[in-house]
């Protein structure tokens, strides 16, 4: 499980994003957009001060290896930046459902990759991505019209259905679920939980959206074929990770039931948590 340093860094990024959105919300009515963003950045940095006092040990540890830590975070920062650039190129060229699935698989594989290397780095990557999405989603739903909001709406809005335009993107909950299991579970169980969400939920969306005809009685937005695709993908993922067939099937079925419920976007948050809870339960 992640250590004190990575937890502190992750909490710091999330706190910064929250403070930034809060400050920007207060300032943008009184200042031009660019100026309000600059002032919000300064206010957020000043507001981060108390957080550093909560974990002095982590601050000392970080100060001893600043260069190494910075170099460790350069790789995920470059990958996230490249992903945003690729999303800008693909936006409008793919169907909404395919773009959405591509977005989720890319985010999930990114976290799985760094989780394979180091749970601490994976936690920081998930927190960094979630922080960026928090700010981006606020900018996307803001009434302003400028180059920044246009870019954000193009990249992140391309995956949205009409009913979701005023709500936070499903990827926000996706990253929140990934961050939670990386923080709370051992690395192998976290990996399986993120993989279940990444490949199981994406299979349900892709197969159910394109081929599914018969709707579930308790949730007309989901199909039997999509649920079956999630069960199959989940079983294959867990079998590949060495879980016994019966256990793999039972966990995949439970995750598929959660995915099929009329929960809106929160199923992206609950699927990895449910999978992780079952994986950590004694047999």
Protein backbone atom coordinates (compact mmCIF):
# COMPACT_ATOMS: atom_id res chain seq x y z
CA UNK A 1 0.00 0.00 0.00
CA UNK A 2 1.18 3.60 -0.64
CA UNK A 3 3.35 5.29 1.96
CA UNK A 4 3.05 8.59 3.81
CA UNK A 5 4.90 10.59 1.17
CA UNK A 6 2.71 9.61 -1.77
CA UNK A 7 -0.46 9.99 0.31
CA UNK A 8 0.64 13.50 1.32
CA UNK A 9 1.51 14.46 -2.25
CA UNK A 10 -1.81 13.11 -3.50
CA UNK A 11 -3.77 14.89 -0.78
CA UNK A 12 -1.88 18.07 -1.61
CA UNK A 13 -2.79 17.91 -5.31
CA UNK A 14 -6.44 17.20 -4.57
CA UNK A 15 -6.55 19.96 -1.96
CA UNK A 16 -4.95 22.36 -4.42
CA UNK A 17 -7.52 21.49 -7.09
CA UNK A 18 -10.37 21.95 -4.63
CA UNK A 19 -9.05 25.28 -3.38
CA UNK A 20 -8.41 26.43 -6.95
CA UNK A 21 -11.98 25.70 -8.04
CA UNK A 22 -13.37 27.36 -4.91
CA UNK A 23 -11.23 30.49 -5.38
CA UNK A 24 -11.98 30.63 -9.09
CA UNK A 25 -15.69 30.39 -8.40
CA UNK A 26 -15.48 33.44 -6.12
CA UNK A 27 -13.15 35.49 -8.32
CA UNK A 28 -14.42 34.97 -11.85
CA UNK A 29 -17.44 37.23 -11.25
CA UNK A 30 -15.16 40.13 -10.32
CA UNK A 31 -12.08 39.69 -12.50
CA UNK A 32 -11.37 38.80 -16.15
CA UNK A 33 -10.94 35.07 -16.73
CA UNK A 34 -7.16 35.01 -17.09
CA UNK A 35 -6.62 37.28 -14.09
CA UNK A 36 -9.04 35.26 -11.95
CA UNK A 37 -7.10 32.08 -12.82
CA UNK A 38 -3.83 33.71 -11.78
CA UNK A 39 -5.21 34.96 -8.48
CA UNK A 40 -6.92 31.61 -7.80
CA UNK A 41 -3.55 29.85 -8.28
CA UNK A 42 -1.91 32.13 -5.72
CA UNK A 43 -4.75 31.74 -3.22
CA UNK A 44 -4.62 27.95 -3.60
CA UNK A 45 -0.87 27.82 -3.00
CA UNK A 46 -1.22 29.94 0.13
CA UNK A 47 -4.06 27.74 1.32
CA UNK A 48 -1.87 24.66 1.00
CA UNK A 49 0.37 25.82 3.84
CA UNK A 50 -1.56 24.13 6.69
CA UNK A 51 -1.49 20.80 4.84
CA UNK A 52 2.30 20.69 5.05
CA UNK A 53 2.09 20.91 8.84
CA UNK A 54 -0.01 17.73 8.98
CA UNK A 55 2.79 15.46 7.80
CA UNK A 56 6.21 16.95 8.59
CA UNK A 57 7.83 13.53 8.20
CA UNK A 58 6.73 13.33 4.58
CA UNK A 59 8.00 16.85 3.91
CA UNK A 60 11.43 15.93 5.33
CA UNK A 61 11.54 12.74 3.29
CA UNK A 62 10.58 14.62 0.14
CA UNK A 63 13.23 17.28 0.74
CA UNK A 64 15.94 14.61 0.90
CA UNK A 65 15.25 13.37 -2.62
CA UNK A 66 13.70 16.27 -4.49
CA UNK A 67 15.46 15.52 -7.78
CA UNK A 68 14.60 11.82 -7.67
CA UNK A 69 10.96 12.55 -6.83
CA UNK A 70 10.66 15.15 -9.56
CA UNK A 71 12.15 12.77 -12.13
CA UNK A 72 9.75 10.04 -10.98
CA UNK A 73 6.78 12.32 -11.68
CA UNK A 74 8.07 13.56 -15.04
CA UNK A 75 7.13 10.33 -16.81
CA UNK A 76 3.44 10.28 -15.77
CA UNK A 77 3.18 14.02 -16.43
CA UNK A 78 4.47 13.50 -19.97
CA UNK A 79 2.12 10.57 -20.52
CA UNK A 80 -0.90 12.52 -19.25
CA UNK A 81 0.05 15.47 -21.45
CA UNK A 82 0.42 13.20 -24.46
CA UNK A 83 -2.95 11.64 -23.67
CA UNK A 84 -4.65 15.03 -23.58
CA UNK A 85 -3.00 15.92 -26.90
CA UNK A 86 -4.19 12.66 -28.46
CA UNK A 87 -7.70 13.28 -27.11
CA UNK A 88 -7.70 16.70 -28.77
CA UNK A 89 -6.87 15.04 -32.10
CA UNK A 90 -9.48 12.29 -31.73
CA UNK A 91 -12.32 14.53 -30.47
CA UNK A 92 -14.97 14.77 -33.16
CA UNK A 93 -13.41 12.00 -35.26
CA UNK A 94 -14.77 9.10 -33.21
CA UNK A 95 -18.33 8.40 -32.15
CA UNK A 96 -19.18 9.53 -28.63
CA UNK A 97 -19.35 5.97 -27.30
CA UNK A 98 -16.07 4.90 -28.88
CA UNK A 99 -14.32 8.10 -27.77
CA UNK A 100 -15.66 7.59 -24.25
CA UNK A 101 -14.47 3.98 -24.10
CA UNK A 102 -11.07 4.97 -25.50
CA UNK A 103 -10.80 7.69 -22.85
CA UNK A 104 -11.57 5.27 -20.02
CA UNK A 105 -9.30 2.48 -21.25
CA UNK A 106 -6.43 4.94 -21.68
CA UNK A 107 -6.88 6.30 -18.16
CA UNK A 108 -7.16 2.81 -16.68
CA UNK A 109 -4.15 1.39 -18.52
CA UNK A 110 -2.10 4.40 -17.42
CA UNK A 111 -2.90 3.70 -13.76
CA UNK A 112 -2.34 -0.05 -14.20
CA UNK A 113 1.05 0.61 -15.75
CA UNK A 114 2.28 2.75 -12.88
CA UNK A 115 0.64 0.44 -10.34
CA UNK A 116 2.77 -2.38 -11.77
CA UNK A 117 5.87 -0.25 -11.22
CA UNK A 118 5.12 1.28 -7.82
CA UNK A 119 1.84 1.75 -5.87
CA UNK A 120 3.13 5.09 -4.56
CA UNK A 121 3.63 6.44 -8.06
CA UNK A 122 0.26 5.04 -9.15
CA UNK A 123 -1.47 6.89 -6.30
CA UNK A 124 0.21 10.16 -7.25
CA UNK A 125 -0.68 9.64 -10.92
CA UNK A 126 -4.34 8.97 -10.05
CA UNK A 127 -4.44 12.02 -7.78
CA UNK A 128 -2.78 14.19 -10.44
CA UNK A 129 -5.25 13.05 -13.11
CA UNK A 130 -8.22 13.52 -10.77
CA UNK A 131 -7.00 17.00 -9.81
CA UNK A 132 -6.72 17.99 -13.48
CA UNK A 133 -10.20 16.64 -14.18
CA UNK A 134 -11.65 18.51 -11.21
CA UNK A 135 -10.39 21.83 -12.57
CA UNK A 136 -11.18 20.91 -16.20
CA UNK A 137 -14.74 19.93 -15.38
CA UNK A 138 -15.37 23.21 -13.57
CA UNK A 139 -13.96 25.13 -16.53
CA UNK A 140 -16.06 23.05 -18.95
CA UNK A 141 -19.33 23.81 -17.17
CA UNK A 142 -18.51 27.51 -16.62
CA UNK A 143 -20.44 30.11 -18.67
CA UNK A 144 -17.28 31.81 -19.99
CA UNK A 145 -16.34 31.66 -23.68
CA UNK A 146 -12.60 31.78 -24.33
CA UNK A 147 -9.77 29.67 -25.76
CA UNK A 148 -9.33 27.71 -22.52
CA UNK A 149 -12.98 26.72 -22.14
CA UNK A 150 -13.21 25.92 -25.87
CA UNK A 151 -10.25 23.52 -25.63
CA UNK A 152 -11.57 21.85 -22.47
CA UNK A 153 -15.04 21.41 -23.97
CA UNK A 154 -13.58 19.94 -27.12
CA UNK A 155 -11.38 17.40 -25.32
CA UNK A 156 -13.64 16.42 -22.43
CA UNK A 157 -17.08 17.28 -23.80
CA UNK A 158 -16.73 15.01 -26.83
CA UNK A 159 -17.43 11.95 -24.66
CA UNK A 160 -20.61 13.34 -23.12
CA UNK A 161 -24.16 12.38 -23.89
CA UNK A 162 -26.72 15.19 -24.02
CA UNK A 163 -28.04 14.33 -20.55
CA UNK A 164 -24.53 14.65 -19.08
CA UNK A 165 -23.56 18.09 -20.37
CA UNK A 166 -24.29 19.81 -17.06
CA UNK A 167 -22.81 17.06 -14.89
CA UNK A 168 -19.30 15.92 -14.10
CA UNK A 169 -17.75 13.59 -16.63
CA UNK A 170 -17.88 9.82 -15.91
CA UNK A 171 -14.06 9.86 -15.97
CA UNK A 172 -14.17 11.96 -12.78
CA UNK A 173 -15.83 9.07 -10.95
CA UNK A 174 -13.65 6.57 -12.83
CA UNK A 175 -10.48 8.18 -11.51
CA UNK A 176 -12.00 8.56 -8.04
CA UNK A 177 -12.69 4.81 -7.89
CA UNK A 178 -9.18 3.99 -9.09
CA UNK A 179 -7.60 6.33 -6.55
CA UNK A 180 -9.65 4.82 -3.72
CA UNK A 181 -8.61 1.22 -4.38
CA UNK A 182 -4.95 2.15 -4.98
CA UNK A 183 -4.98 3.94 -1.62
CA UNK A 184 -6.87 1.31 0.38
CA UNK A 185 -5.88 -2.08 -1.07
CA UNK A 186 -2.70 -4.10 -1.54
CA UNK A 187 -1.19 -3.64 -4.99
CA UNK A 188 -2.41 -6.96 -6.45
CA UNK A 189 -6.01 -6.40 -5.36
CA UNK A 190 -5.92 -2.78 -6.49
CA UNK A 191 -4.59 -3.90 -9.89
CA UNK A 192 -7.43 -6.41 -10.29
CA UNK A 193 -10.05 -3.84 -9.22
CA UNK A 194 -8.80 -1.19 -11.66
CA UNK A 195 -8.57 -3.80 -14.43
CA UNK A 196 -12.16 -4.89 -13.77
CA UNK A 197 -13.34 -1.30 -14.15
CA UNK A 198 -11.10 -0.58 -17.15
CA UNK A 199 -11.88 -3.63 -19.25
CA UNK A 200 -15.16 -4.89 -17.78
CA UNK A 201 -17.08 -1.62 -17.79
CA UNK A 202 -15.63 -0.61 -21.16
CA UNK A 203 -16.67 -3.96 -22.66
CA UNK A 204 -20.19 -3.49 -21.34
CA UNK A 205 -20.42 0.00 -22.80
CA UNK A 206 -18.95 -0.92 -26.18
CA UNK A 207 -20.76 -4.22 -26.75
CA UNK A 208 -24.02 -3.16 -25.14
CA UNK A 209 -24.09 0.20 -26.90
CA UNK A 210 -23.35 -1.19 -30.36
CA UNK A 211 -24.92 -4.65 -30.35
CA UNK A 212 -27.27 -4.85 -27.38
CA UNK A 213 -30.98 -4.80 -28.17
CA UNK A 214 -32.78 -6.31 -25.20
CA UNK A 215 -32.86 -3.92 -22.25
CA UNK A 216 -32.60 -4.80 -18.58
CA UNK A 217 -35.96 -4.43 -16.79
CA UNK A 218 -34.48 -2.54 -13.84
CA UNK A 219 -32.37 -0.21 -15.99
CA UNK A 220 -33.44 0.43 -19.62
CA UNK A 221 -30.12 2.15 -20.33
CA UNK A 222 -28.29 -1.18 -19.96
CA UNK A 223 -28.61 -4.36 -22.04
CA UNK A 224 -28.30 -8.07 -21.34
CA UNK A 225 -25.55 -8.33 -23.93
CA UNK A 226 -23.56 -5.50 -22.31
CA UNK A 227 -23.85 -7.12 -18.88
CA UNK A 228 -22.75 -10.45 -20.33
CA UNK A 229 -19.77 -8.78 -21.99
CA UNK A 230 -18.72 -7.32 -18.64
CA UNK A 231 -18.97 -10.70 -16.93
CA UNK A 232 -16.87 -12.33 -19.66
CA UNK A 233 -14.23 -9.57 -19.61
CA UNK A 234 -14.10 -9.63 -15.81
CA UNK A 235 -13.66 -13.40 -15.67
CA UNK A 236 -10.87 -13.28 -18.25
CA UNK A 237 -9.09 -10.51 -16.34
CA UNK A 238 -9.25 -12.36 -13.02
CA UNK A 239 -8.26 -15.70 -14.56
CA UNK A 240 -5.25 -14.02 -16.16
CA UNK A 241 -4.28 -12.74 -12.71
CA UNK A 242 -4.38 -16.24 -11.25
CA UNK A 243 -7.76 -16.32 -9.51
CA UNK A 244 -9.69 -19.61 -9.44
CA UNK A 245 -12.51 -19.88 -12.01
CA UNK A 246 -15.38 -20.02 -9.49
CA UNK A 247 -14.10 -17.02 -7.57
CA UNK A 248 -13.40 -15.11 -10.77
CA UNK A 249 -16.94 -15.76 -11.98
CA UNK A 250 -18.58 -14.76 -8.70
CA UNK A 251 -16.64 -11.49 -8.47
CA UNK A 252 -17.26 -10.66 -12.14
CA UNK A 253 -20.99 -11.32 -11.68
CA UNK A 254 -21.11 -9.06 -8.63
CA UNK A 255 -19.28 -6.27 -10.49
CA UNK A 256 -21.66 -6.67 -13.44
CA UNK A 257 -24.66 -6.37 -11.11
CA UNK A 258 -23.25 -3.09 -9.75
CA UNK A 259 -22.66 -1.84 -13.32
CA UNK A 260 -26.24 -2.71 -14.29
CA UNK A 261 -27.88 -0.73 -11.48
CA UNK A 262 -29.46 2.67 -12.28
CA UNK A 263 -26.75 4.59 -10.43
CA UNK A 264 -25.94 7.20 -13.08
CA UNK A 265 -22.22 7.88 -13.29
CA UNK A 266 -21.44 6.61 -9.80
CA UNK A 267 -21.12 3.03 -11.06
CA UNK A 268 -17.61 4.01 -12.20
CA UNK A 269 -16.83 4.74 -8.55
CA UNK A 270 -18.57 1.70 -7.08
CA UNK A 271 -17.35 -1.04 -9.45
CA UNK A 272 -13.70 -0.97 -8.30
CA UNK A 273 -14.75 -0.56 -4.67
CA UNK A 274 -17.11 -3.54 -4.88
CA UNK A 275 -14.49 -5.63 -6.69
CA UNK A 276 -11.83 -4.70 -4.16
CA UNK A 277 -14.12 -5.53 -1.23
CA UNK A 278 -14.78 -9.01 -2.62
CA UNK A 279 -11.12 -9.60 -3.42
CA UNK A 280 -10.08 -8.66 0.11
CA UNK A 281 -12.78 -10.79 1.76
CA UNK A 282 -11.60 -14.11 3.23
CA UNK A 283 -12.49 -17.11 1.08
